[in-house]
Amino acid sequence: MKKNSQHDNADADRDTMRPEYDFSKAVRGVTAARYAQGANVIVIDPEVLDVFPDSAAVNATLRALAPVFRQQRRRARRVVRPPARQASTKA
């Protein structure tokens, strides 16, 4: 059965924007430059919000802990692992 193309156009043209959303004073591309720089969104668990009330507190803590993490990463690279054992092939 063939679909009625006029019916499809009517659904596509119907305005589905809610009346409470007002974009009459919106500026196109105002945040494009910031978005192009990259955006990292981190969700903080509610249990630690009292310790990290804002992004400055999170960044200060991560800067303080970064040397510890880097040192652990260097130690992990120095660990020499024995080569993997190869399965013997018997004919």
N, C-alpha and C. Protein backbone atom coordinates (compact mmCIF):
# COMPACT_ATOMS: atom_id res chain seq x y z
N MET A 1 0.85 -1.18 0.00
CA MET A 1 0.00 0.00 0.00
C MET A 1 0.89 1.23 0.00
N LYS A 2 0.55 2.18 -0.82
CA LYS A 2 1.33 3.40 -0.97
C LYS A 2 0.88 4.43 0.07
N LYS A 3 1.87 5.06 0.72
CA LYS A 3 1.54 6.09 1.71
C LYS A 3 1.19 7.39 1.03
N ASN A 4 0.34 8.14 1.67
CA ASN A 4 -0.06 9.44 1.16
C ASN A 4 1.03 10.45 1.51
N SER A 5 1.69 11.03 0.53
CA SER A 5 2.79 11.95 0.79
C SER A 5 2.30 13.25 1.42
N GLN A 6 1.07 13.64 1.15
CA GLN A 6 0.54 14.85 1.77
C GLN A 6 0.38 14.65 3.27
N HIS A 7 0.01 13.45 3.69
CA HIS A 7 -0.15 13.16 5.12
C HIS A 7 1.21 13.26 5.82
N ASP A 8 2.28 12.73 5.19
CA ASP A 8 3.61 12.80 5.77
C ASP A 8 4.08 14.24 5.92
N ASN A 9 3.84 15.06 4.92
CA ASN A 9 4.24 16.47 4.98
C ASN A 9 3.48 17.21 6.07
N ALA A 10 2.22 16.88 6.28
CA ALA A 10 1.44 17.55 7.31
C ALA A 10 2.00 17.24 8.69
N ASP A 11 2.43 16.00 8.93
CA ASP A 11 3.03 15.65 10.21
C ASP A 11 4.37 16.35 10.41
N ALA A 12 5.15 16.47 9.35
CA ALA A 12 6.46 17.10 9.44
C ALA A 12 6.34 18.60 9.66
N ASP A 13 5.31 19.22 9.11
CA ASP A 13 5.15 20.67 9.22
C ASP A 13 4.47 21.09 10.52
N ARG A 14 3.90 20.15 11.23
CA ARG A 14 3.19 20.49 12.46
C ARG A 14 4.17 21.02 13.51
N ASP A 15 3.83 22.10 14.16
CA ASP A 15 4.67 22.71 15.17
C ASP A 15 4.53 21.93 16.48
N THR A 16 5.61 21.34 16.94
CA THR A 16 5.57 20.55 18.17
C THR A 16 6.26 21.27 19.33
N MET A 17 6.69 22.51 19.12
CA MET A 17 7.36 23.26 20.18
C MET A 17 6.35 23.68 21.24
N ARG A 18 6.72 23.46 22.48
CA ARG A 18 5.84 23.83 23.58
C ARG A 18 5.80 25.35 23.72
N PRO A 19 4.67 25.88 24.15
CA PRO A 19 4.54 27.34 24.24
C PRO A 19 5.47 27.97 25.29
N GLU A 20 5.89 27.20 26.30
CA GLU A 20 6.74 27.79 27.34
C GLU A 20 8.19 28.00 26.89
N TYR A 21 8.58 27.41 25.75
CA TYR A 21 9.92 27.62 25.23
C TYR A 21 9.91 28.83 24.30
N ASP A 22 10.67 29.85 24.67
CA ASP A 22 10.70 31.08 23.89
C ASP A 22 12.12 31.32 23.39
N PHE A 23 12.32 31.13 22.10
CA PHE A 23 13.63 31.35 21.50
C PHE A 23 13.66 32.63 20.67
N SER A 24 12.76 33.56 20.94
CA SER A 24 12.68 34.77 20.13
C SER A 24 13.92 35.66 20.28
N LYS A 25 14.62 35.58 21.42
CA LYS A 25 15.82 36.40 21.63
C LYS A 25 17.10 35.57 21.55
N ALA A 26 17.01 34.39 21.00
CA ALA A 26 18.17 33.50 20.89
C ALA A 26 19.15 34.02 19.85
N VAL A 27 20.43 33.73 20.08
CA VAL A 27 21.48 34.12 19.15
C VAL A 27 22.10 32.84 18.61
N ARG A 28 22.12 32.70 17.31
CA ARG A 28 22.63 31.49 16.68
C ARG A 28 24.15 31.43 16.79
N GLY A 29 24.68 30.28 17.26
CA GLY A 29 26.11 30.03 17.29
C GLY A 29 26.87 30.73 18.40
N VAL A 30 26.19 31.22 19.41
CA VAL A 30 26.85 31.98 20.47
C VAL A 30 27.80 31.09 21.30
N THR A 31 27.51 29.82 21.42
CA THR A 31 28.36 28.92 22.21
C THR A 31 29.17 27.98 21.32
N ALA A 32 29.16 28.17 20.03
CA ALA A 32 29.85 27.26 19.11
C ALA A 32 31.36 27.24 19.36
N ALA A 33 31.97 28.38 19.63
CA ALA A 33 33.42 28.42 19.85
C ALA A 33 33.81 27.65 21.11
N ARG A 34 33.04 27.81 22.17
CA ARG A 34 33.31 27.06 23.40
C ARG A 34 33.14 25.57 23.18
N TYR A 35 32.13 25.19 22.46
CA TYR A 35 31.86 23.78 22.19
C TYR A 35 32.98 23.18 21.33
N ALA A 36 33.51 23.93 20.40
CA ALA A 36 34.57 23.45 19.54
C ALA A 36 35.85 23.16 20.32
N GLN A 37 36.06 23.87 21.43
CA GLN A 37 37.24 23.64 22.27
C GLN A 37 37.16 22.30 22.98
N GLY A 38 35.97 21.77 23.12
CA GLY A 38 35.79 20.49 23.79
C GLY A 38 35.03 20.67 25.08
N ALA A 39 34.26 19.69 25.39
CA ALA A 39 33.47 19.74 26.62
C ALA A 39 33.55 18.41 27.32
N ASN A 40 33.96 18.43 28.56
CA ASN A 40 33.99 17.22 29.38
C ASN A 40 32.99 17.42 30.51
N VAL A 41 32.01 16.58 30.53
CA VAL A 41 31.00 16.66 31.57
C VAL A 41 31.21 15.50 32.53
N ILE A 42 31.36 15.82 33.78
CA ILE A 42 31.56 14.82 34.81
C ILE A 42 30.39 14.92 35.77
N VAL A 43 29.79 13.80 36.10
CA VAL A 43 28.68 13.78 37.04
C VAL A 43 29.22 13.35 38.40
N ILE A 44 29.01 14.17 39.40
CA ILE A 44 29.50 13.90 40.75
C ILE A 44 28.38 13.25 41.55
N ASP A 45 28.73 12.18 42.25
CA ASP A 45 27.74 11.50 43.08
C ASP A 45 27.25 12.42 44.18
N PRO A 46 25.98 12.33 44.54
CA PRO A 46 25.43 13.21 45.57
C PRO A 46 26.13 13.05 46.93
N GLU A 47 26.71 11.87 47.19
CA GLU A 47 27.37 11.67 48.50
C GLU A 47 28.60 12.55 48.69
N VAL A 48 29.22 13.01 47.60
CA VAL A 48 30.44 13.81 47.73
C VAL A 48 30.23 15.28 47.36
N LEU A 49 29.00 15.67 47.14
CA LEU A 49 28.75 17.07 46.78
C LEU A 49 29.12 18.03 47.90
N ASP A 50 29.10 17.57 49.15
CA ASP A 50 29.49 18.46 50.24
C ASP A 50 31.00 18.72 50.22
N VAL A 51 31.78 17.81 49.65
CA VAL A 51 33.22 17.99 49.56
C VAL A 51 33.58 18.80 48.31
N PHE A 52 32.84 18.58 47.22
CA PHE A 52 33.11 19.25 45.96
C PHE A 52 31.91 20.09 45.55
N PRO A 53 31.77 21.28 46.13
CA PRO A 53 30.59 22.09 45.83
C PRO A 53 30.59 22.72 44.44
N ASP A 54 31.80 22.86 43.83
CA ASP A 54 31.86 23.47 42.51
C ASP A 54 33.04 22.90 41.72
N SER A 55 33.17 23.33 40.49
CA SER A 55 34.23 22.79 39.63
C SER A 55 35.62 23.20 40.12
N ALA A 56 35.73 24.34 40.77
CA ALA A 56 37.04 24.78 41.27
C ALA A 56 37.56 23.81 42.34
N ALA A 57 36.68 23.33 43.20
CA ALA A 57 37.09 22.37 44.23
C ALA A 57 37.52 21.05 43.62
N VAL A 58 36.80 20.61 42.60
CA VAL A 58 37.16 19.36 41.92
C VAL A 58 38.51 19.51 41.25
N ASN A 59 38.71 20.61 40.53
CA ASN A 59 39.98 20.83 39.83
C ASN A 59 41.15 20.94 40.79
N ALA A 60 40.98 21.62 41.92
CA ALA A 60 42.06 21.75 42.90
C ALA A 60 42.45 20.39 43.46
N THR A 61 41.47 19.55 43.74
CA THR A 61 41.75 18.21 44.27
C THR A 61 42.45 17.35 43.23
N LEU A 62 41.98 17.41 42.00
CA LEU A 62 42.62 16.60 40.95
C LEU A 62 44.04 17.07 40.67
N ARG A 63 44.29 18.37 40.75
CA ARG A 63 45.66 18.86 40.57
C ARG A 63 46.57 18.37 41.69
N ALA A 64 46.04 18.31 42.90
CA ALA A 64 46.84 17.83 44.03
C ALA A 64 47.13 16.34 43.91
N LEU A 65 46.19 15.58 43.37
CA LEU A 65 46.36 14.12 43.26
C LEU A 65 47.07 13.69 41.98
N ALA A 66 47.16 14.55 41.01
CA ALA A 66 47.76 14.18 39.73
C ALA A 66 49.18 13.65 39.85
N PRO A 67 50.07 14.26 40.65
CA PRO A 67 51.43 13.69 40.77
C PRO A 67 51.43 12.26 41.32
N VAL A 68 50.54 11.96 42.23
CA VAL A 68 50.45 10.60 42.79
C VAL A 68 50.04 9.62 41.70
N PHE A 69 49.05 9.98 40.91
CA PHE A 69 48.60 9.10 39.83
C PHE A 69 49.69 8.91 38.78
N ARG A 70 50.40 10.00 38.46
CA ARG A 70 51.48 9.88 37.48
C ARG A 70 52.59 8.97 37.98
N GLN A 71 52.93 9.08 39.26
CA GLN A 71 53.96 8.22 39.84
C GLN A 71 53.53 6.76 39.80
N GLN A 72 52.29 6.47 40.10
CA GLN A 72 51.79 5.09 40.04
C GLN A 72 51.85 4.56 38.61
N ARG A 73 51.54 5.40 37.66
CA ARG A 73 51.57 4.98 36.26
C ARG A 73 53.00 4.65 35.83
N ARG A 74 53.97 5.46 36.29
CA ARG A 74 55.37 5.18 35.96
C ARG A 74 55.83 3.87 36.56
N ARG A 75 55.42 3.59 37.79
CA ARG A 75 55.79 2.33 38.44
C ARG A 75 55.19 1.14 37.70
N ALA A 76 53.97 1.28 37.25
CA ALA A 76 53.31 0.18 36.54
C ALA A 76 54.02 -0.10 35.23
N ARG A 77 54.56 0.90 34.57
CA ARG A 77 55.28 0.68 33.31
C ARG A 77 56.61 -0.02 33.54
N ARG A 78 57.24 0.20 34.70
CA ARG A 78 58.54 -0.39 34.99
C ARG A 78 58.45 -1.88 35.29
N VAL A 79 57.29 -2.34 35.70
CA VAL A 79 57.13 -3.75 36.03
C VAL A 79 57.32 -4.56 34.77
N VAL A 80 58.28 -5.47 34.82
CA VAL A 80 58.56 -6.31 33.67
C VAL A 80 57.77 -7.60 33.82
N ARG A 81 56.96 -7.85 32.84
CA ARG A 81 56.15 -9.06 32.88
C ARG A 81 56.86 -10.15 32.08
N PRO A 82 56.78 -11.38 32.57
CA PRO A 82 57.42 -12.46 31.80
C PRO A 82 56.67 -12.66 30.48
N PRO A 83 57.40 -13.11 29.45
CA PRO A 83 56.73 -13.31 28.17
C PRO A 83 55.66 -14.39 28.27
N ALA A 84 54.66 -14.27 27.45
CA ALA A 84 53.56 -15.24 27.48
C ALA A 84 54.08 -16.59 27.02
N ARG A 85 53.61 -17.64 27.66
CA ARG A 85 54.00 -19.00 27.28
C ARG A 85 53.29 -19.38 26.00
N GLN A 86 54.04 -19.96 25.11
CA GLN A 86 53.44 -20.38 23.85
C GLN A 86 53.05 -21.85 23.98
N ALA A 87 51.91 -22.17 23.41
CA ALA A 87 51.43 -23.54 23.44
C ALA A 87 52.31 -24.40 22.54
N SER A 88 52.64 -25.57 23.04
CA SER A 88 53.46 -26.47 22.23
C SER A 88 52.58 -27.16 21.21
N THR A 89 53.13 -27.34 20.04
CA THR A 89 52.37 -28.01 18.99
C THR A 89 52.95 -29.38 18.75
N LYS A 90 52.16 -30.38 18.91
CA LYS A 90 52.59 -31.75 18.67
C LYS A 90 51.91 -32.26 17.41
N ALA A 91 52.71 -32.85 16.55
CA ALA A 91 52.16 -33.34 15.28
C ALA A 91 51.91 -34.82 15.30
